[in-house]
N, C-alpha and C. Protein backbone atom coordinates (compact mmCIF):
# COMPACT_ATOMS: atom_id res chain seq x y z
N MET A 1 -17.25 16.18 -13.72
CA MET A 1 -15.78 15.84 -13.46
C MET A 1 -15.56 17.23 -12.96
N TYR A 2 -14.59 17.16 -12.03
CA TYR A 2 -13.60 18.12 -11.16
C TYR A 2 -12.82 18.85 -12.03
N LYS A 3 -12.62 20.11 -12.17
CA LYS A 3 -11.44 20.88 -12.77
C LYS A 3 -10.35 20.02 -13.27
N ASN A 4 -9.75 19.75 -12.14
CA ASN A 4 -8.37 19.40 -11.70
C ASN A 4 -8.10 17.98 -12.16
N THR A 5 -9.45 17.28 -12.56
CA THR A 5 -9.45 15.94 -12.93
C THR A 5 -9.80 15.44 -14.08
N LYS A 6 -9.91 16.68 -15.02
CA LYS A 6 -10.30 16.24 -16.34
C LYS A 6 -8.99 15.40 -17.33
N GLY A 7 -9.53 13.99 -17.79
CA GLY A 7 -8.85 13.68 -18.59
C GLY A 7 -7.81 12.82 -17.94
N LYS A 8 -7.91 12.86 -16.35
CA LYS A 8 -7.05 12.09 -15.77
C LYS A 8 -7.22 10.82 -15.50
N VAL A 9 -8.37 10.34 -15.16
CA VAL A 9 -8.90 8.90 -14.93
C VAL A 9 -9.48 8.34 -16.45
N ILE A 10 -8.60 7.40 -16.59
CA ILE A 10 -8.35 6.67 -17.68
C ILE A 10 -8.65 5.45 -17.96
N SER A 11 -8.78 4.85 -19.24
CA SER A 11 -8.81 2.96 -19.19
C SER A 11 -7.62 2.34 -19.37
N ALA A 12 -7.39 1.51 -18.85
CA ALA A 12 -6.11 0.75 -19.17
C ALA A 12 -5.33 0.63 -20.64
N ARG A 13 -6.37 0.66 -21.41
CA ARG A 13 -5.92 1.26 -23.22
C ARG A 13 -5.47 2.25 -23.54
N CYS A 14 -6.04 3.24 -22.67
CA CYS A 14 -5.75 4.57 -23.10
C CYS A 14 -4.28 4.84 -22.67
N ALA A 15 -4.49 4.39 -21.05
CA ALA A 15 -2.81 4.47 -20.39
C ALA A 15 -1.67 3.50 -21.39
N THR A 16 -1.98 2.36 -21.73
CA THR A 16 -1.15 1.82 -22.93
C THR A 16 -0.46 2.64 -23.55
N GLU A 17 -1.48 3.37 -24.72
CA GLU A 17 -1.37 4.19 -25.22
C GLU A 17 -0.32 5.11 -25.10
N ILE A 18 -0.53 6.15 -23.83
CA ILE A 18 0.03 7.30 -23.53
C ILE A 18 1.45 6.56 -22.67
N ALA A 19 1.52 5.80 -22.29
CA ALA A 19 2.65 5.13 -21.93
C ALA A 19 3.49 4.77 -22.99
N GLY A 20 3.33 4.25 -24.53
CA GLY A 20 4.02 4.04 -25.33
C GLY A 20 4.38 5.36 -25.94
N LYS A 21 3.75 6.48 -25.84
CA LYS A 21 4.05 7.61 -26.86
C LYS A 21 5.14 8.24 -25.61
N LEU A 22 4.79 8.33 -24.51
CA LEU A 22 5.90 8.92 -23.51
C LEU A 22 7.44 8.19 -23.64
N ARG A 23 7.00 7.23 -23.64
CA ARG A 23 8.81 6.39 -23.89
C ARG A 23 9.07 6.66 -25.26
N GLN A 24 8.51 6.75 -25.99
CA GLN A 24 9.01 7.10 -27.70
C GLN A 24 9.50 8.19 -27.81
N ALA A 25 9.02 9.04 -26.87
CA ALA A 25 9.55 11.05 -26.53
C ALA A 25 11.01 11.00 -25.57
N GLY A 26 10.83 9.52 -25.20
CA GLY A 26 12.13 9.91 -23.93
C GLY A 26 12.08 9.99 -22.66
N LYS A 27 10.50 9.98 -22.23
CA LYS A 27 10.14 9.99 -20.87
C LYS A 27 10.16 8.95 -20.06
N LYS A 28 10.33 9.12 -18.81
CA LYS A 28 10.55 8.22 -17.94
C LYS A 28 8.97 8.11 -16.73
N VAL A 29 8.61 6.70 -16.91
CA VAL A 29 7.04 6.35 -16.67
C VAL A 29 7.31 5.43 -15.34
N VAL A 30 6.44 6.01 -14.70
CA VAL A 30 6.26 5.57 -13.28
C VAL A 30 4.81 5.00 -13.06
N VAL A 31 4.85 3.91 -12.25
CA VAL A 31 3.15 3.53 -12.39
C VAL A 31 3.55 2.69 -10.86
N THR A 32 2.37 3.18 -10.05
CA THR A 32 2.17 2.69 -8.74
C THR A 32 0.80 2.04 -8.46
N ASN A 33 0.09 1.21 -7.52
CA ASN A 33 -1.14 0.95 -7.67
C ASN A 33 -1.31 0.70 -5.99
N GLY A 34 -2.65 0.52 -5.41
CA GLY A 34 -2.91 0.46 -4.23
C GLY A 34 -4.58 0.66 -4.01
N SER A 35 -5.29 0.39 -3.06
CA SER A 35 -6.77 0.66 -3.10
C SER A 35 -6.88 2.45 -2.63
N PHE A 36 -5.98 2.98 -1.96
CA PHE A 36 -6.09 4.33 -1.34
C PHE A 36 -7.79 4.38 -1.01
N ASP A 37 -7.83 3.69 0.25
CA ASP A 37 -9.33 3.55 0.69
C ASP A 37 -9.63 4.94 1.14
N ILE A 38 -8.66 5.64 2.27
CA ILE A 38 -8.68 6.51 3.19
C ILE A 38 -7.50 7.67 2.42
N LEU A 39 -7.46 8.09 1.63
CA LEU A 39 -6.72 9.37 1.14
C LEU A 39 -6.02 10.02 2.53
N HIS A 40 -4.73 9.84 2.89
CA HIS A 40 -4.20 10.18 3.99
C HIS A 40 -2.45 10.85 3.33
N ALA A 41 -1.69 11.51 4.29
CA ALA A 41 -0.91 12.57 4.30
C ALA A 41 0.24 11.35 3.94
N GLY A 42 0.08 10.10 4.35
CA GLY A 42 1.15 8.79 4.05
C GLY A 42 1.05 8.67 2.41
N HIS A 43 0.08 8.69 2.20
CA HIS A 43 -0.66 8.48 0.61
C HIS A 43 0.44 9.48 -0.55
N VAL A 44 -0.28 10.54 0.04
CA VAL A 44 0.22 11.93 -0.56
C VAL A 44 1.99 12.02 -0.54
N GLU A 45 2.63 11.96 0.38
CA GLU A 45 4.07 11.71 0.16
C GLU A 45 4.52 10.78 -0.12
N TYR A 46 3.88 9.58 -0.32
CA TYR A 46 4.70 8.27 -1.14
C TYR A 46 4.28 8.52 -2.64
N LEU A 47 3.45 9.14 -3.21
CA LEU A 47 2.73 9.33 -4.24
C LEU A 47 3.83 10.67 -4.83
N GLU A 48 3.93 11.56 -3.84
CA GLU A 48 5.02 12.75 -4.59
C GLU A 48 6.48 12.15 -4.76
N ARG A 49 6.85 11.30 -3.96
CA ARG A 49 8.00 10.76 -4.18
C ARG A 49 8.55 10.02 -5.35
N SER A 50 6.63 9.56 -5.37
CA SER A 50 6.71 8.30 -7.02
C SER A 50 7.01 8.89 -7.80
N ARG A 51 6.04 10.00 -8.22
CA ARG A 51 6.44 11.40 -9.45
C ARG A 51 7.63 11.87 -9.52
N ARG A 52 8.82 11.94 -8.56
CA ARG A 52 10.14 12.34 -8.80
C ARG A 52 10.92 11.48 -9.27
N LEU A 53 10.23 10.45 -9.40
CA LEU A 53 11.27 9.59 -10.21
C LEU A 53 11.38 9.66 -11.60
N GLY A 54 9.97 9.92 -12.23
CA GLY A 54 10.28 10.08 -13.69
C GLY A 54 9.22 11.42 -13.89
N ASP A 55 8.83 11.53 -15.19
CA ASP A 55 8.23 12.28 -15.96
C ASP A 55 6.56 12.31 -15.88
N VAL A 56 6.03 10.90 -15.57
CA VAL A 56 4.62 10.95 -15.62
C VAL A 56 4.30 9.66 -14.77
N LEU A 57 3.27 9.69 -14.01
CA LEU A 57 2.75 9.04 -12.85
C LEU A 57 1.59 8.66 -12.90
N PHE A 58 1.39 7.06 -13.40
CA PHE A 58 0.05 6.38 -13.37
C PHE A 58 -0.14 5.90 -12.38
N VAL A 59 -1.39 5.81 -11.64
CA VAL A 59 -2.03 4.98 -10.35
C VAL A 59 -3.04 3.95 -10.84
N ALA A 60 -2.34 2.85 -10.60
CA ALA A 60 -3.42 1.81 -10.65
C ALA A 60 -4.49 1.97 -9.62
N LEU A 61 -5.57 1.96 -9.80
CA LEU A 61 -6.61 1.50 -8.26
C LEU A 61 -6.90 0.70 -8.49
N ASN A 62 -7.13 0.18 -7.30
CA ASN A 62 -8.20 -1.28 -6.88
C ASN A 62 -9.65 -0.87 -7.05
N SER A 63 -10.02 -1.39 -7.86
CA SER A 63 -11.69 -1.39 -7.75
C SER A 63 -12.53 -1.84 -6.52
N ASP A 64 -13.27 -1.34 -6.49
CA ASP A 64 -14.15 -1.93 -5.25
C ASP A 64 -14.50 -3.55 -4.71
N SER A 65 -14.30 -4.44 -6.10
CA SER A 65 -14.79 -5.68 -5.61
C SER A 65 -13.13 -6.51 -5.31
N SER A 66 -12.02 -5.49 -6.25
CA SER A 66 -10.58 -6.10 -6.06
C SER A 66 -10.35 -6.07 -4.19
N LEU A 67 -10.76 -4.34 -3.69
CA LEU A 67 -10.59 -3.88 -2.74
C LEU A 67 -11.16 -4.95 -1.25
N ARG A 68 -12.60 -5.60 -1.87
CA ARG A 68 -12.93 -6.26 -0.84
C ARG A 68 -12.49 -7.67 -0.77
N ARG A 69 -11.99 -8.26 -1.76
CA ARG A 69 -11.51 -9.75 -2.10
C ARG A 69 -9.95 -9.32 -0.98
N ASN A 70 -9.11 -8.37 -1.12
CA ASN A 70 -8.25 -8.37 -0.62
C ASN A 70 -8.18 -7.69 0.80
N LYS A 71 -9.34 -7.11 1.18
CA LYS A 71 -9.12 -6.37 2.56
C LYS A 71 -10.28 -6.87 3.52
N GLY A 72 -11.29 -7.66 2.87
CA GLY A 72 -12.51 -7.62 3.44
C GLY A 72 -13.88 -7.15 3.10
N ARG A 73 -14.93 -7.23 3.50
CA ARG A 73 -16.41 -7.14 3.32
C ARG A 73 -16.88 -5.93 3.55
N GLN A 74 -15.92 -5.46 4.69
CA GLN A 74 -16.41 -3.95 5.16
C GLN A 74 -15.64 -3.06 4.25
N ARG A 75 -14.93 -3.14 3.41
CA ARG A 75 -14.24 -2.14 2.76
C ARG A 75 -14.48 -2.33 1.35
N PRO A 76 -14.76 -1.67 0.24
CA PRO A 76 -14.05 0.02 0.52
C PRO A 76 -15.04 1.13 1.52
N ILE A 77 -14.32 1.90 2.16
CA ILE A 77 -15.02 2.86 3.08
C ILE A 77 -15.43 4.08 1.96
N ILE A 78 -14.68 4.27 0.82
CA ILE A 78 -15.12 5.50 -0.24
C ILE A 78 -14.72 4.33 -1.72
N PRO A 79 -16.36 4.70 -2.38
CA PRO A 79 -16.24 4.14 -3.49
C PRO A 79 -15.09 4.03 -4.59
N GLN A 80 -15.15 3.21 -5.72
CA GLN A 80 -13.87 3.44 -6.42
C GLN A 80 -13.77 4.88 -7.45
N ARG A 81 -14.96 5.27 -8.00
CA ARG A 81 -14.97 6.28 -8.39
C ARG A 81 -14.69 7.65 -7.75
N GLN A 82 -15.03 7.50 -6.44
CA GLN A 82 -14.42 8.95 -5.53
C GLN A 82 -13.20 8.69 -5.29
N ARG A 83 -12.73 7.60 -4.98
CA ARG A 83 -11.02 7.26 -4.77
C ARG A 83 -10.34 7.57 -5.62
N ALA A 84 -10.70 7.34 -7.38
CA ALA A 84 -10.21 7.82 -8.28
C ALA A 84 -9.98 9.60 -8.58
N LEU A 85 -11.34 9.88 -8.12
CA LEU A 85 -11.37 11.77 -8.13
C LEU A 85 -10.33 12.30 -7.62
N LEU A 86 -10.02 11.51 -6.08
CA LEU A 86 -9.31 12.18 -5.41
C LEU A 86 -7.89 12.26 -5.35
N LEU A 87 -7.42 10.90 -5.81
CA LEU A 87 -6.06 10.67 -6.81
C LEU A 87 -5.67 11.73 -7.67
N ALA A 88 -6.92 11.71 -8.60
CA ALA A 88 -6.77 12.48 -10.02
C ALA A 88 -6.76 14.12 -9.35
N ALA A 89 -7.22 14.36 -8.46
CA ALA A 89 -7.06 15.79 -7.93
C ALA A 89 -5.85 16.33 -7.55
N LEU A 90 -4.64 15.30 -7.28
CA LEU A 90 -3.03 15.70 -6.89
C LEU A 90 -2.52 16.12 -8.04
N ALA A 91 -1.69 16.99 -7.69
CA ALA A 91 -0.94 17.66 -8.70
C ALA A 91 0.07 16.63 -9.12
N CYS A 92 0.84 15.62 -8.09
CA CYS A 92 1.73 14.69 -8.55
C CYS A 92 1.24 13.65 -9.20
N VAL A 93 -0.30 13.35 -9.69
CA VAL A 93 -0.93 12.44 -9.76
C VAL A 93 -1.53 12.62 -11.65
N ASP A 94 -0.58 12.06 -12.72
CA ASP A 94 -0.73 12.29 -13.80
C ASP A 94 -1.98 11.66 -14.42
N HIS A 95 -2.37 10.15 -14.12
CA HIS A 95 -3.51 9.45 -14.83
C HIS A 95 -3.52 8.19 -13.98
N VAL A 96 -5.28 8.04 -13.56
CA VAL A 96 -5.65 6.86 -12.82
C VAL A 96 -6.25 6.14 -13.41
N VAL A 97 -6.28 4.29 -12.98
CA VAL A 97 -6.74 3.82 -14.02
C VAL A 97 -7.39 2.81 -12.80
N ILE A 98 -8.26 2.16 -12.65
CA ILE A 98 -9.45 1.31 -11.91
C ILE A 98 -8.76 0.10 -12.72
N PHE A 99 -8.58 -0.78 -11.96
CA PHE A 99 -8.34 -2.13 -12.48
C PHE A 99 -8.98 -3.18 -11.24
N SER A 100 -9.24 -3.93 -12.20
CA SER A 100 -10.12 -5.31 -11.18
C SER A 100 -9.86 -6.19 -10.80
N GLY A 101 -8.24 -6.66 -11.35
CA GLY A 101 -7.66 -8.05 -10.36
C GLY A 101 -7.38 -7.57 -9.27
N ASP A 102 -6.64 -8.96 -8.71
CA ASP A 102 -6.13 -9.11 -7.37
C ASP A 102 -4.68 -8.18 -7.24
N LYS A 103 -4.40 -8.41 -8.60
CA LYS A 103 -3.03 -7.83 -8.84
C LYS A 103 -2.71 -6.85 -9.80
N PRO A 104 -2.00 -5.80 -9.95
CA PRO A 104 -1.71 -5.57 -11.07
C PRO A 104 -1.24 -5.97 -12.16
N ASP A 105 -0.32 -7.07 -12.05
CA ASP A 105 0.88 -7.35 -12.79
C ASP A 105 0.79 -7.08 -14.36
N GLY A 106 -0.72 -7.58 -15.15
CA GLY A 106 -0.82 -7.32 -16.67
C GLY A 106 -0.47 -6.16 -16.92
N PHE A 107 -1.48 -5.21 -16.05
CA PHE A 107 -1.29 -3.84 -16.30
C PHE A 107 0.28 -3.18 -16.20
N LEU A 108 0.80 -3.45 -15.40
CA LEU A 108 2.33 -3.08 -15.09
C LEU A 108 2.92 -3.70 -16.81
N LEU A 109 2.81 -4.75 -16.94
CA LEU A 109 3.55 -5.37 -17.91
C LEU A 109 2.98 -4.69 -19.49
N LYS A 110 1.99 -4.46 -19.76
CA LYS A 110 1.28 -3.27 -20.52
C LYS A 110 1.74 -2.06 -20.65
N LEU A 111 2.13 -1.71 -19.76
CA LEU A 111 2.55 -0.35 -19.68
C LEU A 111 3.87 0.02 -19.24
N ALA A 112 5.01 -1.32 -19.09
CA ALA A 112 6.04 -1.19 -19.14
C ALA A 112 6.91 -0.25 -18.80
N PRO A 113 6.76 0.21 -17.32
CA PRO A 113 7.77 1.40 -16.72
C PRO A 113 8.61 1.54 -16.66
N ASP A 114 9.46 2.71 -16.11
CA ASP A 114 10.67 2.84 -16.11
C ASP A 114 10.70 2.07 -14.57
N TYR A 115 10.01 2.93 -13.85
CA TYR A 115 9.87 2.71 -12.09
C TYR A 115 8.31 1.80 -11.72
N TYR A 116 8.44 0.99 -10.91
CA TYR A 116 7.18 0.58 -10.25
C TYR A 116 7.34 0.87 -8.53
N THR A 117 6.72 1.36 -8.18
CA THR A 117 6.86 1.96 -6.82
C THR A 117 5.47 1.68 -5.78
N LYS A 118 5.99 1.45 -4.50
CA LYS A 118 5.01 0.56 -3.27
C LYS A 118 5.53 1.08 -2.15
N GLY A 119 4.24 1.19 -1.51
CA GLY A 119 4.71 1.65 0.05
C GLY A 119 5.42 0.99 1.13
N GLY A 120 5.95 1.07 2.41
CA GLY A 120 6.55 0.53 2.81
C GLY A 120 5.67 -1.40 3.65
N SER A 121 4.71 -0.98 3.48
CA SER A 121 3.34 -2.35 4.06
C SER A 121 4.11 -3.52 3.21
N PHE A 122 4.49 -3.26 1.88
CA PHE A 122 4.52 -4.12 1.16
C PHE A 122 6.30 -4.84 0.97
N LEU A 123 6.02 -5.79 1.80
CA LEU A 123 8.01 -6.19 2.08
C LEU A 123 8.19 -7.01 0.92
N ARG A 124 9.38 -6.75 0.51
CA ARG A 124 9.99 -6.96 -0.79
C ARG A 124 10.02 -8.65 -1.32
N GLY A 125 9.45 -9.49 -0.20
CA GLY A 125 9.18 -10.93 -0.49
C GLY A 125 7.85 -11.30 -1.10
N ARG A 126 6.79 -10.13 -0.75
CA ARG A 126 5.90 -10.38 -1.51
C ARG A 126 5.68 -9.62 -2.65
N LEU A 127 6.86 -8.91 -3.09
CA LEU A 127 6.58 -8.34 -4.27
C LEU A 127 7.58 -9.34 -5.33
N ALA A 128 8.37 -10.20 -5.06
CA ALA A 128 9.26 -10.87 -5.58
C ALA A 128 8.71 -11.05 -6.97
N GLU A 129 7.38 -11.94 -7.03
CA GLU A 129 6.66 -12.27 -8.08
C GLU A 129 6.86 -11.24 -9.26
N THR A 130 6.41 -10.30 -8.80
CA THR A 130 5.64 -8.70 -9.81
C THR A 130 7.40 -8.58 -10.11
N GLU A 131 8.47 -8.47 -9.14
CA GLU A 131 9.55 -8.00 -9.60
C GLU A 131 10.29 -8.45 -10.90
N ARG A 132 9.89 -10.22 -10.69
CA ARG A 132 10.40 -10.94 -12.33
C ARG A 132 9.72 -10.46 -12.98
N LEU A 133 8.56 -10.20 -13.09
CA LEU A 133 7.80 -9.79 -14.22
C LEU A 133 8.37 -8.71 -14.77
N LEU A 134 8.11 -7.46 -13.87
CA LEU A 134 8.94 -6.48 -14.60
C LEU A 134 10.44 -6.52 -14.94
N ALA A 135 11.38 -7.49 -14.54
CA ALA A 135 12.56 -7.49 -14.67
C ALA A 135 12.91 -7.95 -16.62
N ALA A 136 11.83 -8.26 -16.62
CA ALA A 136 11.75 -8.53 -18.01
C ALA A 136 11.53 -7.33 -19.44
N VAL A 137 10.71 -6.33 -18.96
CA VAL A 137 11.23 -5.30 -19.45
C VAL A 137 11.35 -3.88 -18.93
N ARG A 138 12.51 -4.34 -18.19
CA ARG A 138 13.61 -3.54 -17.40
C ARG A 138 13.40 -2.36 -16.51
N CYS A 139 11.96 -2.95 -15.84
CA CYS A 139 11.80 -2.04 -14.90
C CYS A 139 12.32 -2.20 -13.41
N LYS A 140 12.41 -0.91 -12.72
CA LYS A 140 12.91 -1.16 -11.59
C LYS A 140 12.00 -0.67 -10.30
N THR A 141 11.91 -1.22 -9.20
CA THR A 141 11.16 -1.53 -8.28
C THR A 141 11.91 -0.62 -7.05
N VAL A 142 10.88 0.04 -6.57
CA VAL A 142 11.19 1.06 -5.54
C VAL A 142 10.44 1.19 -4.64
N VAL A 143 10.60 0.60 -3.63
CA VAL A 143 10.15 0.56 -2.27
C VAL A 143 9.86 1.58 -1.07
N PHE A 144 9.20 2.55 -0.89
CA PHE A 144 9.34 3.68 0.07
C PHE A 144 8.93 2.90 1.74
N PRO A 145 9.63 3.56 2.43
CA PRO A 145 9.42 3.18 3.82
C PRO A 145 8.02 4.06 4.13
N LEU A 146 7.15 3.25 5.24
CA LEU A 146 5.96 3.80 5.66
C LEU A 146 6.27 4.85 6.30
N ARG A 147 5.34 5.95 6.55
CA ARG A 147 5.24 6.68 7.73
C ARG A 147 4.30 6.48 9.16
N LYS A 148 5.20 6.18 10.44
CA LYS A 148 4.56 5.66 11.42
C LYS A 148 3.08 6.33 11.99
N GLY A 149 2.56 5.69 11.88
CA GLY A 149 1.11 6.26 12.48
C GLY A 149 0.25 6.48 11.15
N LEU A 150 0.44 6.35 9.81
CA LEU A 150 0.07 6.93 9.15
C LEU A 150 -0.56 5.66 7.99
N SER A 151 -1.64 5.04 8.47
CA SER A 151 -2.02 4.08 7.38
C SER A 151 -3.86 3.58 7.76
N THR A 152 -4.34 3.63 6.19
CA THR A 152 -5.41 3.45 6.71
C THR A 152 -6.32 2.72 7.56
N SER A 153 -5.79 1.19 7.66
CA SER A 153 -6.01 0.86 8.59
C SER A 153 -6.07 1.01 10.40
N GLU A 154 -4.74 1.94 10.51
CA GLU A 154 -4.78 2.54 11.73
C GLU A 154 -5.87 3.53 12.01
N ILE A 155 -5.93 4.50 10.64
CA ILE A 155 -7.45 5.75 10.67
C ILE A 155 -8.67 5.25 10.72
N ILE A 156 -8.73 3.84 10.15
CA ILE A 156 -10.08 3.04 10.61
C ILE A 156 -10.45 2.79 11.75
N LYS A 157 -9.08 2.45 12.56
CA LYS A 157 -9.61 1.52 14.30
C LYS A 157 -9.75 3.14 14.62
N LYS A 158 -9.02 3.90 14.49
CA LYS A 158 -9.00 4.98 15.60
C LYS A 158 -10.63 5.77 14.86
N CYS A 159 -11.23 5.61 14.16
CA CYS A 159 -12.74 6.04 13.66
C CYS A 159 -13.61 5.07 14.60
N ALA A 160 -13.23 4.24 14.66
CA ALA A 160 -14.25 2.86 15.45
C ALA A 160 -13.99 3.02 16.64
N GLY A 161 -12.65 3.82 17.30
CA GLY A 161 -12.78 3.69 18.82
C GLY A 161 -12.05 2.91 19.45
N GLU A 162 -11.10 2.21 19.15
CA GLU A 162 -10.34 1.04 19.20
C GLU A 162 -8.62 1.62 19.54
């Protein structure tokens, strides 16, 4: 394990316990999720903005199988354990949890965060179901705009010479 990632990649069960203790201590919990297949500057900016909303940032990371179902057989480019370590190495990320579902809704309900964030590639309408679920735990959803030219899909196309 890398020095800066020690104890940051955790199970969903552990995350739920930590989040509960944080809320009891009056801390604001922020959760985001995604595949983070090729970590880039747009991701870092979005994660830093997410972290500033609260005291602790949990990142729910799509597993390899989940990513394959969502993005196609050619993905992931980087395996889940390596993606988790890259995210955990960022100062703004407090905890990383790998999840295998197509959507993190169950995990989000268990954590009951104060804020749930997404990057602008997810339109509000696509988040409607998740937002309704999170309203039950009084969670606010924040969508940050994308930075033009910074997306994993664009990076993959550029590498392929497209």
